Amino acid sequence: MVIDSFEFPDTSFKVRAGLPFYGDRYLSWVKLESDRPVNIKDYRFIINYKDNKYPPQTIHVNLYPDQASADKAYEERTSVQDD
């Protein structure tokens, strides 16, 4: 599986493909960089695969301005699933 390109709805971020780690629990294969903190729920972008071997895939992510906000959202989401 080889990524050919990404499609974003705006130019809010500088995008890098890779495998950055965030803290001890978070892993991503797309790094979005911004010059300011953001708080965006359900930000969507599209991944296109090389040679059209796979159909384009829409990714939905929630973006938080800092680690504490991301941790709080994670705890809230997982505590609801545990009930």
PDB file of N, CA and C in Angstrom:
ATOM      1  N   MET A   1       0.851  -1.154   0.000  1.00  0.00           N
ATOM      2  CA  MET A   1       0.000   0.000   0.000  1.00  0.00           C
ATOM      3  C   MET A   1       0.913   1.238   0.000  1.00  0.00           C
ATOM      4  N   VAL A   2       0.814   2.044  -1.051  1.00  0.00           N
ATOM      5  CA  VAL A   2       1.648   3.229  -1.176  1.00  0.00           C
ATOM      6  C   VAL A   2       0.755   4.452  -1.336  1.00  0.00           C
ATOM      7  N   ILE A   3       0.962   5.450  -0.484  1.00  0.00           N
ATOM      8  CA  ILE A   3       0.187   6.689  -0.568  1.00  0.00           C
ATOM      9  C   ILE A   3       0.736   7.544  -1.695  1.00  0.00           C
ATOM     10  N   ASP A   4      -0.156   7.992  -2.558  1.00  0.00           N
ATOM     11  CA  ASP A   4       0.219   8.858  -3.666  1.00  0.00           C
ATOM     12  C   ASP A   4       0.089  10.330  -3.274  1.00  0.00           C
ATOM     13  N   SER A   5      -1.044  10.681  -2.642  1.00  0.00           N
ATOM     14  CA  SER A   5      -1.264  12.087  -2.287  1.00  0.00           C
ATOM     15  C   SER A   5      -2.335  12.216  -1.213  1.00  0.00           C
ATOM     16  N   PHE A   6      -2.395  13.422  -0.657  1.00  0.00           N
ATOM     17  CA  PHE A   6      -3.419  13.789   0.320  1.00  0.00           C
ATOM     18  C   PHE A   6      -4.231  14.936  -0.259  1.00  0.00           C
ATOM     19  N   GLU A   7      -5.507  14.993   0.086  1.00  0.00           N
ATOM     20  CA  GLU A   7      -6.356  16.125  -0.281  1.00  0.00           C
ATOM     21  C   GLU A   7      -6.915  16.720   1.007  1.00  0.00           C
ATOM     22  N   PHE A   8      -6.664  18.017   1.208  1.00  0.00           N
ATOM     23  CA  PHE A   8      -7.147  18.702   2.399  1.00  0.00           C
ATOM     24  C   PHE A   8      -8.151  19.772   2.019  1.00  0.00           C
ATOM     25  N   PRO A   9      -9.100  20.066   2.918  1.00  0.00           N
ATOM     26  CA  PRO A   9     -10.138  21.052   2.600  1.00  0.00           C
ATOM     27  C   PRO A   9      -9.650  22.501   2.645  1.00  0.00           C
ATOM     28  N   ASP A  10      -8.445  22.716   3.175  1.00  0.00           N
ATOM     29  CA  ASP A  10      -7.932  24.073   3.305  1.00  0.00           C
ATOM     30  C   ASP A  10      -6.411  24.030   3.397  1.00  0.00           C
ATOM     31  N   THR A  11      -5.803  25.176   3.629  1.00  0.00           N
ATOM     32  CA  THR A  11      -4.340  25.240   3.732  1.00  0.00           C
ATOM     33  C   THR A  11      -3.894  25.557   5.152  1.00  0.00           C
ATOM     34  N   SER A  12      -4.648  25.094   6.127  1.00  0.00           N
ATOM     35  CA  SER A  12      -4.354  25.377   7.529  1.00  0.00           C
ATOM     36  C   SER A  12      -3.085  24.696   8.029  1.00  0.00           C
ATOM     37  N   PHE A  13      -2.655  23.627   7.362  1.00  0.00           N
ATOM     38  CA  PHE A  13      -1.567  22.817   7.890  1.00  0.00           C
ATOM     39  C   PHE A  13      -0.482  22.540   6.861  1.00  0.00           C
ATOM     40  N   LYS A  14       0.718  22.398   7.368  1.00  0.00           N
ATOM     41  CA  LYS A  14       1.809  21.814   6.594  1.00  0.00           C
ATOM     42  C   LYS A  14       1.716  20.319   6.880  1.00  0.00           C
ATOM     43  N   VAL A  15       1.796  19.493   5.852  1.00  0.00           N
ATOM     44  CA  VAL A  15       1.553  18.064   6.004  1.00  0.00           C
ATOM     45  C   VAL A  15       2.829  17.277   5.720  1.00  0.00           C
ATOM     46  N   ARG A  16       3.079  16.294   6.585  1.00  0.00           N
ATOM     47  CA  ARG A  16       4.200  15.369   6.379  1.00  0.00           C
ATOM     48  C   ARG A  16       3.719  13.955   6.616  1.00  0.00           C
ATOM     49  N   ALA A  17       4.099  13.078   5.732  1.00  0.00           N
ATOM     50  CA  ALA A  17       3.805  11.661   5.940  1.00  0.00           C
ATOM     51  C   ALA A  17       4.968  11.065   6.711  1.00  0.00           C
ATOM     52  N   GLY A  18       4.683  10.122   7.562  1.00  0.00           N
ATOM     53  CA  GLY A  18       5.716   9.496   8.369  1.00  0.00           C
ATOM     54  C   GLY A  18       5.085   8.716   9.490  1.00  0.00           C
ATOM     55  N   LEU A  19       5.793   8.600  10.584  1.00  0.00           N
ATOM     56  CA  LEU A  19       5.270   7.857  11.722  1.00  0.00           C
ATOM     57  C   LEU A  19       5.661   8.552  13.025  1.00  0.00           C
ATOM     58  N   PRO A  20       5.164   9.787  13.227  1.00  0.00           N
ATOM     59  CA  PRO A  20       5.513  10.469  14.479  1.00  0.00           C
ATOM     60  C   PRO A  20       4.748   9.896  15.673  1.00  0.00           C
ATOM     61  N   PHE A  21       5.404   9.887  16.810  1.00  0.00           N
ATOM     62  CA  PHE A  21       4.792   9.467  18.061  1.00  0.00           C
ATOM     63  C   PHE A  21       4.513  10.703  18.896  1.00  0.00           C
ATOM     64  N   TYR A  22       3.412  10.683  19.626  1.00  0.00           N
ATOM     65  CA  TYR A  22       3.035  11.777  20.506  1.00  0.00           C
ATOM     66  C   TYR A  22       2.829  11.206  21.907  1.00  0.00           C
ATOM     67  N   GLY A  23       3.737  11.498  22.787  1.00  0.00           N
ATOM     68  CA  GLY A  23       3.629  10.965  24.135  1.00  0.00           C
ATOM     69  C   GLY A  23       3.760   9.451  24.115  1.00  0.00           C
ATOM     70  N   ASP A  24       3.160   8.794  25.085  1.00  0.00           N
ATOM     71  CA  ASP A  24       3.292   7.339  25.164  1.00  0.00           C
ATOM     72  C   ASP A  24       2.082   6.590  24.611  1.00  0.00           C
ATOM     73  N   ARG A  25       1.024   7.325  24.215  1.00  0.00           N
ATOM     74  CA  ARG A  25      -0.184   6.636  23.757  1.00  0.00           C
ATOM     75  C   ARG A  25      -0.595   6.960  22.328  1.00  0.00           C
ATOM     76  N   TYR A  26      -0.026   7.972  21.726  1.00  0.00           N
ATOM     77  CA  TYR A  26      -0.521   8.424  20.441  1.00  0.00           C
ATOM     78  C   TYR A  26       0.483   8.167  19.324  1.00  0.00           C
ATOM     79  N   LEU A  27      -0.025   7.694  18.221  1.00  0.00           N
ATOM     80  CA  LEU A  27       0.784   7.371  17.059  1.00  0.00           C
ATOM     81  C   LEU A  27       0.030   7.878  15.833  1.00  0.00           C
ATOM     82  N   SER A  28       0.743   8.415  14.874  1.00  0.00           N
ATOM     83  CA  SER A  28       0.099   8.898  13.660  1.00  0.00           C
ATOM     84  C   SER A  28       1.017   8.664  12.475  1.00  0.00           C
ATOM     85  N   TRP A  29       0.456   8.435  11.318  1.00  0.00           N
ATOM     86  CA  TRP A  29       1.277   8.304  10.122  1.00  0.00           C
ATOM     87  C   TRP A  29       1.155   9.532   9.235  1.00  0.00           C
ATOM     88  N   VAL A  30       0.402  10.544   9.693  1.00  0.00           N
ATOM     89  CA  VAL A  30       0.322  11.838   9.020  1.00  0.00           C
ATOM     90  C   VAL A  30       0.549  12.904  10.078  1.00  0.00           C
ATOM     91  N   LYS A  31       1.484  13.797   9.829  1.00  0.00           N
ATOM     92  CA  LYS A  31       1.754  14.875  10.777  1.00  0.00           C
ATOM     93  C   LYS A  31       1.248  16.185  10.192  1.00  0.00           C
ATOM     94  N   LEU A  32       0.366  16.849  10.931  1.00  0.00           N
ATOM     95  CA  LEU A  32      -0.171  18.148  10.537  1.00  0.00           C
ATOM     96  C   LEU A  32       0.479  19.209  11.412  1.00  0.00           C
ATOM     97  N   GLU A  33       1.112  20.193  10.797  1.00  0.00           N
ATOM     98  CA  GLU A  33       1.768  21.261  11.549  1.00  0.00           C
ATOM     99  C   GLU A  33       1.071  22.583  11.266  1.00  0.00           C
ATOM    100  N   SER A  34       0.873  23.356  12.320  1.00  0.00           N
ATOM    101  CA  SER A  34       0.218  24.656  12.210  1.00  0.00           C
ATOM    102  C   SER A  34       1.016  25.681  13.008  1.00  0.00           C
ATOM    103  N   ASP A  35       0.888  26.939  12.646  1.00  0.00           N
ATOM    104  CA  ASP A  35       1.593  27.985  13.381  1.00  0.00           C
ATOM    105  C   ASP A  35       0.811  28.469  14.593  1.00  0.00           C
ATOM    106  N   ARG A  36      -0.356  27.860  14.834  1.00  0.00           N
ATOM    107  CA  ARG A  36      -1.162  28.223  16.001  1.00  0.00           C
ATOM    108  C   ARG A  36      -1.906  26.990  16.509  1.00  0.00           C
ATOM    109  N   PRO A  37      -2.260  26.982  17.793  1.00  0.00           N
ATOM    110  CA  PRO A  37      -3.042  25.857  18.324  1.00  0.00           C
ATOM    111  C   PRO A  37      -4.426  25.807  17.661  1.00  0.00           C
ATOM    112  N   VAL A  38      -4.930  24.618  17.433  1.00  0.00           N
ATOM    113  CA  VAL A  38      -6.249  24.458  16.812  1.00  0.00           C
ATOM    114  C   VAL A  38      -7.106  23.528  17.662  1.00  0.00           C
ATOM    115  N   ASN A  39      -8.404  23.697  17.526  1.00  0.00           N
ATOM    116  CA  ASN A  39      -9.371  22.819  18.168  1.00  0.00           C
ATOM    117  C   ASN A  39     -10.467  22.583  17.137  1.00  0.00           C
ATOM    118  N   ILE A  40     -10.352  21.494  16.391  1.00  0.00           N
ATOM    119  CA  ILE A  40     -11.275  21.207  15.295  1.00  0.00           C
ATOM    120  C   ILE A  40     -11.829  19.802  15.484  1.00  0.00           C
ATOM    121  N   LYS A  41     -13.127  19.707  15.556  1.00  0.00           N
ATOM    122  CA  LYS A  41     -13.786  18.398  15.647  1.00  0.00           C
ATOM    123  C   LYS A  41     -14.119  17.913  14.238  1.00  0.00           C
ATOM    124  N   ASP A  42     -13.846  16.661  13.975  1.00  0.00           N
ATOM    125  CA  ASP A  42     -14.175  16.006  12.713  1.00  0.00           C
ATOM    126  C   ASP A  42     -13.545  16.697  11.504  1.00  0.00           C
ATOM    127  N   TYR A  43     -12.249  16.933  11.577  1.00  0.00           N
ATOM    128  CA  TYR A  43     -11.510  17.462  10.431  1.00  0.00           C
ATOM    129  C   TYR A  43     -11.303  16.295   9.469  1.00  0.00           C
ATOM    130  N   ARG A  44     -11.600  16.501   8.198  1.00  0.00           N
ATOM    131  CA  ARG A  44     -11.557  15.408   7.228  1.00  0.00           C
ATOM    132  C   ARG A  44     -10.558  15.697   6.113  1.00  0.00           C
ATOM    133  N   PHE A  45      -9.846  14.649   5.725  1.00  0.00           N
ATOM    134  CA  PHE A  45      -8.991  14.746   4.550  1.00  0.00           C
ATOM    135  C   PHE A  45      -8.996  13.407   3.829  1.00  0.00           C
ATOM    136  N   ILE A  46      -8.530  13.406   2.595  1.00  0.00           N
ATOM    137  CA  ILE A  46      -8.597  12.219   1.743  1.00  0.00           C
ATOM    138  C   ILE A  46      -7.192  11.725   1.430  1.00  0.00           C
ATOM    139  N   ILE A  47      -7.036  10.411   1.469  1.00  0.00           N
ATOM    140  CA  ILE A  47      -5.781   9.771   1.071  1.00  0.00           C
ATOM    141  C   ILE A  47      -6.025   9.083  -0.265  1.00  0.00           C
ATOM    142  N   ASN A  48      -5.154   9.383  -1.222  1.00  0.00           N
ATOM    143  CA  ASN A  48      -5.192   8.712  -2.529  1.00  0.00           C
ATOM    144  C   ASN A  48      -4.019   7.750  -2.609  1.00  0.00           C
ATOM    145  N   TYR A  49      -4.280   6.537  -3.076  1.00  0.00           N
ATOM    146  CA  TYR A  49      -3.249   5.513  -3.142  1.00  0.00           C
ATOM    147  C   TYR A  49      -2.664   5.404  -4.546  1.00  0.00           C
ATOM    148  N   LYS A  50      -1.409   5.046  -4.609  1.00  0.00           N
ATOM    149  CA  LYS A  50      -0.681   4.948  -5.870  1.00  0.00           C
ATOM    150  C   LYS A  50      -1.316   3.910  -6.793  1.00  0.00           C
ATOM    151  N   ASP A  51      -1.346   4.237  -8.073  1.00  0.00           N
ATOM    152  CA  ASP A  51      -1.869   3.366  -9.131  1.00  0.00           C
ATOM    153  C   ASP A  51      -3.344   3.007  -8.941  1.00  0.00           C
ATOM    154  N   ASN A  52      -4.054   3.793  -8.128  1.00  0.00           N
ATOM    155  CA  ASN A  52      -5.477   3.542  -7.871  1.00  0.00           C
ATOM    156  C   ASN A  52      -5.740   2.099  -7.447  1.00  0.00           C
ATOM    157  N   LYS A  53      -4.759   1.519  -6.773  1.00  0.00           N
ATOM    158  CA  LYS A  53      -4.903   0.129  -6.326  1.00  0.00           C
ATOM    159  C   LYS A  53      -6.009  -0.008  -5.279  1.00  0.00           C
ATOM    160  N   TYR A  54      -6.169   1.036  -4.471  1.00  0.00           N
ATOM    161  CA  TYR A  54      -7.227   1.075  -3.458  1.00  0.00           C
ATOM    162  C   TYR A  54      -8.043   2.342  -3.679  1.00  0.00           C
ATOM    163  N   PRO A  55      -9.321   2.323  -3.316  1.00  0.00           N
ATOM    164  CA  PRO A  55     -10.117   3.541  -3.478  1.00  0.00           C
ATOM    165  C   PRO A  55      -9.641   4.625  -2.498  1.00  0.00           C
ATOM    166  N   PRO A  56      -9.872   5.891  -2.828  1.00  0.00           N
ATOM    167  CA  PRO A  56      -9.516   6.959  -1.892  1.00  0.00           C
ATOM    168  C   PRO A  56     -10.198   6.731  -0.540  1.00  0.00           C
ATOM    169  N   GLN A  57      -9.519   7.119   0.513  1.00  0.00           N
ATOM    170  CA  GLN A  57     -10.022   6.912   1.865  1.00  0.00           C
ATOM    171  C   GLN A  57     -10.151   8.261   2.569  1.00  0.00           C
ATOM    172  N   THR A  58     -11.323   8.526   3.138  1.00  0.00           N
ATOM    173  CA  THR A  58     -11.533   9.752   3.902  1.00  0.00           C
ATOM    174  C   THR A  58     -11.215   9.482   5.366  1.00  0.00           C
ATOM    175  N   ILE A  59     -10.355  10.318   5.923  1.00  0.00           N
ATOM    176  CA  ILE A  59      -9.942  10.202   7.319  1.00  0.00           C
ATOM    177  C   ILE A  59     -10.629  11.300   8.122  1.00  0.00           C
ATOM    178  N   HIS A  60     -11.195  10.940   9.259  1.00  0.00           N
ATOM    179  CA  HIS A  60     -11.842  11.887  10.171  1.00  0.00           C
ATOM    180  C   HIS A  60     -10.993  11.950  11.437  1.00  0.00           C
ATOM    181  N   VAL A  61     -10.562  13.150  11.819  1.00  0.00           N
ATOM    182  CA  VAL A  61      -9.769  13.302  13.044  1.00  0.00           C
ATOM    183  C   VAL A  61     -10.288  14.471  13.865  1.00  0.00           C
ATOM    184  N   ASN A  62     -10.083  14.378  15.157  1.00  0.00           N
ATOM    185  CA  ASN A  62     -10.338  15.501  16.055  1.00  0.00           C
ATOM    186  C   ASN A  62      -8.989  16.080  16.435  1.00  0.00           C
ATOM    187  N   LEU A  63      -8.841  17.383  16.286  1.00  0.00           N
ATOM    188  CA  LEU A  63      -7.577  18.056  16.563  1.00  0.00           C
ATOM    189  C   LEU A  63      -7.719  18.907  17.817  1.00  0.00           C
ATOM    190  N   TYR A  64      -6.732  18.820  18.698  1.00  0.00           N
ATOM    191  CA  TYR A  64      -6.764  19.520  19.974  1.00  0.00           C
ATOM    192  C   TYR A  64      -5.563  20.450  20.092  1.00  0.00           C
ATOM    193  N   PRO A  65      -5.714  21.543  20.842  1.00  0.00           N
ATOM    194  CA  PRO A  65      -4.642  22.539  20.918  1.00  0.00           C
ATOM    195  C   PRO A  65      -3.447  22.125  21.770  1.00  0.00           C
ATOM    196  N   ASP A  66      -3.624  21.096  22.618  1.00  0.00           N
ATOM    197  CA  ASP A  66      -2.519  20.692  23.492  1.00  0.00           C
ATOM    198  C   ASP A  66      -2.727  19.259  23.980  1.00  0.00           C
ATOM    199  N   GLN A  67      -1.717  18.727  24.592  1.00  0.00           N
ATOM    200  CA  GLN A  67      -1.744  17.346  25.081  1.00  0.00           C
ATOM    201  C   GLN A  67      -2.829  17.146  26.139  1.00  0.00           C
ATOM    202  N   ALA A  68      -2.988  18.111  27.028  1.00  0.00           N
ATOM    203  CA  ALA A  68      -3.990  17.978  28.097  1.00  0.00           C
ATOM    204  C   ALA A  68      -5.399  17.870  27.525  1.00  0.00           C
ATOM    205  N   SER A  69      -5.707  18.665  26.519  1.00  0.00           N
ATOM    206  CA  SER A  69      -7.032  18.604  25.885  1.00  0.00           C
ATOM    207  C   SER A  69      -7.250  17.269  25.188  1.00  0.00           C
ATOM    208  N   ALA A  70      -6.222  16.774  24.515  1.00  0.00           N
ATOM    209  CA  ALA A  70      -6.329  15.480  23.838  1.00  0.00           C
ATOM    210  C   ALA A  70      -6.511  14.357  24.857  1.00  0.00           C
ATOM    211  N   ASP A  71      -5.745  14.408  25.946  1.00  0.00           N
ATOM    212  CA  ASP A  71      -5.874  13.389  26.994  1.00  0.00           C
ATOM    213  C   ASP A  71      -7.272  13.398  27.606  1.00  0.00           C
ATOM    214  N   LYS A  72      -7.802  14.591  27.870  1.00  0.00           N
ATOM    215  CA  LYS A  72      -9.144  14.706  28.467  1.00  0.00           C
ATOM    216  C   LYS A  72     -10.191  14.115  27.527  1.00  0.00           C
ATOM    217  N   ALA A  73     -10.128  14.440  26.240  1.00  0.00           N
ATOM    218  CA  ALA A  73     -11.083  13.900  25.271  1.00  0.00           C
ATOM    219  C   ALA A  73     -10.965  12.385  25.178  1.00  0.00           C
ATOM    220  N   TYR A  74      -9.745  11.875  25.210  1.00  0.00           N
ATOM    221  CA  TYR A  74      -9.519  10.427  25.162  1.00  0.00           C
ATOM    222  C   TYR A  74     -10.148   9.753  26.382  1.00  0.00           C
ATOM    223  N   GLU A  75      -9.902  10.307  27.551  1.00  0.00           N
ATOM    224  CA  GLU A  75     -10.468   9.738  28.781  1.00  0.00           C
ATOM    225  C   GLU A  75     -11.992   9.764  28.754  1.00  0.00           C
ATOM    226  N   GLU A  76     -12.574  10.864  28.287  1.00  0.00           N
ATOM    227  CA  GLU A  76     -14.036  10.957  28.211  1.00  0.00           C
ATOM    228  C   GLU A  76     -14.600   9.921  27.240  1.00  0.00           C
ATOM    229  N   ARG A  77     -13.941   9.776  26.098  1.00  0.00           N
ATOM    230  CA  ARG A  77     -14.427   8.830  25.082  1.00  0.00           C
ATOM    231  C   ARG A  77     -14.307   7.385  25.573  1.00  0.00           C
ATOM    232  N   THR A  78     -13.201   7.042  26.196  1.00  0.00           N
ATOM    233  CA  THR A  78     -13.001   5.666  26.623  1.00  0.00           C
ATOM    234  C   THR A  78     -13.824   5.336  27.864  1.00  0.00           C
ATOM    235  N   SER A  79     -14.081   6.303  28.717  1.00  0.00           N
ATOM    236  CA  SER A  79     -14.889   6.015  29.912  1.00  0.00           C
ATOM    237  C   SER A  79     -16.345   5.767  29.519  1.00  0.00           C
ATOM    238  N   VAL A  80     -16.827   6.391  28.459  1.00  0.00           N
ATOM    239  CA  VAL A  80     -18.175   6.151  27.967  1.00  0.00           C
ATOM    240  C   VAL A  80     -18.270   4.740  27.388  1.00  0.00           C
ATOM    241  N   GLN A  81     -17.224   4.301  26.691  1.00  0.00           N
ATOM    242  CA  GLN A  81     -17.225   2.963  26.096  1.00  0.00           C
ATOM    243  C   GLN A  81     -17.159   1.878  27.160  1.00  0.00           C
ATOM    244  N   ASP A  82     -16.567   2.176  28.302  1.00  0.00           N
ATOM    245  CA  ASP A  82     -16.433   1.176  29.367  1.00  0.00           C
ATOM    246  C   ASP A  82     -17.724   0.955  30.129  1.00  0.00           C
ATOM    247  N   ASP A  83     -18.663   1.879  30.059  1.00  0.00           N
ATOM    248  CA  ASP A  83     -19.933   1.762  30.813  1.00  0.00           C
ATOM    249  C   ASP A  83     -20.843   0.710  30.249  1.00  0.00           C
TER     250      ASP A  83
END
